[in-house]
Amino acid sequence: MEAIRRFVKVKNHQVNITLPDDFIADEVEVIILAKNEIDYQLSDEQIQLLDDRLNEPETEYITSTESLNRLKEKYGF
């Protein structure tokens, strides 16, 4: 199953969602939920990981582009 999550603005009580070219489907299920700014909480493990990353020396930093490239190479997306 392929899922796409988007946050879109409601205009005149309507939403417009453009699907990627590689999304192939004749019929989809649409579930509409109001966006809640506080609906996601980080786990203690995630908070610890982020804190650890913030404490790393700046000499170890890589660019966001390099980070994404490494993730693409490792996980193939």
Protein backbone atom coordinates (compact mmCIF):
# COMPACT_ATOMS: atom_id res chain seq x y z
CA MET A 1 0.00 0.00 0.00
CA GLU A 2 1.29 3.42 -0.90
CA ALA A 3 0.22 6.32 1.28
CA ILE A 4 0.64 10.03 0.71
CA ARG A 5 0.30 12.49 3.54
CA ARG A 6 -0.15 16.17 2.74
CA PHE A 7 -1.20 19.20 4.72
CA VAL A 8 -3.24 21.44 2.44
CA LYS A 9 -5.13 24.67 2.93
CA VAL A 10 -8.90 24.63 2.74
CA LYS A 11 -10.23 27.26 0.33
CA ASN A 12 -13.97 27.85 -0.05
CA HIS A 13 -14.63 24.58 1.76
CA GLN A 14 -12.59 22.66 -0.82
CA VAL A 15 -9.18 21.00 -1.00
CA ASN A 16 -7.09 20.31 -4.10
CA ILE A 17 -4.55 17.49 -4.00
CA THR A 18 -2.16 16.87 -6.89
CA LEU A 19 -0.80 13.34 -6.92
CA PRO A 20 2.77 12.55 -8.01
CA ASP A 21 3.22 11.30 -11.58
CA ASP A 22 4.33 7.87 -10.35
CA PHE A 23 1.21 7.36 -8.21
CA ILE A 24 -0.90 4.93 -10.21
CA ALA A 25 -4.44 4.27 -9.01
CA ASP A 26 -7.92 4.44 -10.47
CA GLU A 27 -9.57 4.93 -7.09
CA VAL A 28 -8.31 6.18 -3.72
CA GLU A 29 -9.59 6.48 -0.18
CA VAL A 30 -9.59 10.01 1.21
CA ILE A 31 -9.75 10.68 4.93
CA ILE A 32 -10.09 14.31 6.02
CA LEU A 33 -8.85 15.29 9.48
CA ALA A 34 -8.46 18.80 10.87
CA LYS A 35 -4.79 19.57 11.36
CA ASN A 36 -3.88 19.63 15.02
CA GLU A 37 -0.60 21.38 15.74
CA ILE A 38 -0.08 19.38 18.93
CA ASP A 39 -1.03 15.90 17.69
CA TYR A 40 2.54 14.58 17.52
CA GLN A 41 4.71 13.96 20.56
CA LEU A 42 8.33 12.87 20.45
CA SER A 43 9.23 9.76 22.40
CA ASP A 44 11.92 9.91 25.08
CA GLU A 45 14.19 7.94 22.72
CA GLN A 46 13.67 10.49 19.92
CA ILE A 47 14.33 13.38 22.29
CA GLN A 48 17.54 11.73 23.48
CA LEU A 49 18.69 11.15 19.90
CA LEU A 50 18.06 14.80 19.01
CA ASP A 51 19.86 15.98 22.14
CA ASP A 52 22.82 13.75 21.28
CA ARG A 53 22.94 15.17 17.76
CA LEU A 54 22.84 18.73 19.09
CA ASN A 55 25.83 17.97 21.31
CA GLU A 56 27.98 16.65 18.46
CA PRO A 57 30.91 18.87 17.46
CA GLU A 58 30.22 21.15 14.50
CA THR A 59 33.17 19.60 12.66
CA GLU A 60 31.05 16.44 12.32
CA TYR A 61 28.11 18.25 10.69
CA ILE A 62 27.08 17.40 7.13
CA THR A 63 24.74 19.33 4.87
CA SER A 64 21.10 18.38 4.53
CA THR A 65 21.79 17.42 0.91
CA GLU A 66 24.58 15.07 1.96
CA SER A 67 22.35 13.60 4.65
CA LEU A 68 19.56 12.93 2.15
CA ASN A 69 22.03 11.45 -0.34
CA ARG A 70 23.33 9.04 2.31
CA LEU A 71 19.79 8.01 3.24
CA LYS A 72 18.92 7.45 -0.44
CA GLU A 73 22.03 5.31 -0.93
CA LYS A 74 21.38 3.27 2.21
CA TYR A 75 17.62 2.81 1.90
CA GLY A 76 17.05 3.25 -1.83
CA PHE A 77 14.36 5.88 -1.85
